[in-house]
């Protein structure tokens, strides 16, 4: 008669919904039962099939496992048929106490041919035989042992493990649980030899494994070598790592269960959390060489566990950046475009936290007619969402968040983008050499069922800009025109400046309409008030300085947006049918002086226009001598229709208009030149 239950371990950390918290084998019989009744037990097993034949364990079909099966099973009709069996789809679905119950459910939805072809595959991906330690899943399902050459050892005897491994005659039921004891012995010996060499070389992570587990005759417990660590079972904060790990190489060097306490006194014995130790040691050091805009991989990951707690954690990852702002980028002073980040673990107040950050600044030069350099002062890697709260959601969203500065090239005739060094210099010092930014991100999305299929998106929609920490060129627009930087716009889809309410502004540069992808710096212009008739007390306009990637030239844009004004109807509503209308808008540029001109301003009431027989132009400007943009100065000029002509008045009269700003007098010439009064032409 078989045993009802054999408990190998009880998970010492929180278990995901629908998963068993105990590694338990039921209906135990055969060679396993015989072996466990042996004095001085030294049971070494490498055949998962033979172990599974000695008992039963639970099965569960989660949404993530179902999606994984969709990638594995080539017959779509099979995955369609088993979809109703996914846990949570219907009451009681997706969970089975043993293989017999699983098979009954599969036979109810599959044809005989489908069942014969795919039942074993479904079985291998649904075993619920995992130990969860410090939020890491270790899958001990015997159907997965062959994938990683996993070996499970039960040692409860007063001998050194190295001595037992060296003599297969000491193995309990050795031939019953190994297709070849010699092959199993070779795998274990290689692991032991490697661990010993690495410890001698200074790898202290292996000290307990070598000195206690291997060499102490007093150590007893359950040991798993090369155990599977499923990528879907990473801690929530680290789920994003799955997209950069080679699953075929990712496994636990070892996992040990030393003690599983039992509470007595009740009708049944109850097990409590096991005391576990282990080591995950993953390395894949080949650098990325992809030609895609972005790529990502985990170079190393080492996790040390003792007493069911994380005692050490280190990791390095790399993000390949071949493109920024949709234009080619090249990392300075480096042999490739790979940005390295390093992982650490800290525990405070009983709560553990993982973090990945860069280890110093770097710069990427841009193949662009607008951008010169993107400096990255700091970078971090964050998993922002997971299926922790919704077991049916298997999408993982992670982001690489960057902070630093962006340097722009001065455009010929009009330094509209303003931010950057006076001369082209390579500066990897980060902020201070251009427009200071933070929260610029490269987003990565994938499904837990297929982590190698990643989607990368350059995301500037949440970027934060710091005008105070930025560097502007001395003769640039931002240095002398009174405007406040409010943000950076990323144009995607059908979004254009026109759809955002901006009208094109004439300027010395050759402006172009922008279509996605495009970017723009948005500024606020405080124009004061339109008076008692205006619908709003304050009158604030927006200025858009945009650009788009262009391999063959320059695509820049200057736009102005005013409250209540659309590009097709240049009029500001004052009260009902009363409107303030204007015509063309242009920038007049002679650094360090910048003037924004609104032409043909008129007050309109239905079909009437005031003034009826002339035109008003308004000019807005800053102080050309100021080191900062300061406040906005403006004035308007009126020219009666027909005035001037051959009499020497007209446009010449405009040139004689004077305006006082900041105690200085300036002249506005008809050729739109700007000069100090008394200065030579």
Foldseek 3Di string as FASTA:
>chain_A
DFAAKDWQFAAPDDDFPPAHRTQMWGRFDDLVVVQVPDPQAKAKFQQLVLRCVRTWAKWFAALLLLLLVVVVDPDVQLSVQCVCQHPPNDPPHGIDGGLVRVLVVSPVRDPPVCCVVCVLVSVLSTGRRWHAFQQFIFDPRSSCSVLQSKMKIFGDHQDAQQVCLVDVVNHRCQVSRDVDSVVNSVVVVVLLVVLVVVVVVPPCLCVCVNVPRHGGSPAGFMKMAFIAGALLRHHLWCNLQSLADDRSQWGWRMKTFRDWDWDDDDPDIDTDHTFMWTKTWDADQDDDDDPDQKDKHWGIWIFTDGRSHTPFIKTKMKMAHQDDLRFGKAWPPDPGRIFMWMKGWDADPNDIDIWIKGDAKTKIATLFPWWGIAIFGMKIKTWDDACSVPSNDQKTKIKIWTWFFTATDQDPQARAQFFADPDDDDDRNGFPGGWTKTRFIWMWMDGSSCSNDIDTDGDQPPMDTDPVRTDGHQFHPQQAADKAWDGKDFADDADWVQVVQWAFAAEPDDEDTDHPGKMWTKIKAWPQAPPPQAPDRTWIKMWIWMFHGDNPDTHITIIIHTPPHHNVFQWGDRDVQKIWHWDHWYWQDDTSKIKIKTWFIWIDHVPDTPPPFWIKMKIKIGDRPDRGRDHIDMDMDIFGHPPDDPPNDGQNVQQPDWDADPNAIWGQHPVRDTDGVPDDD
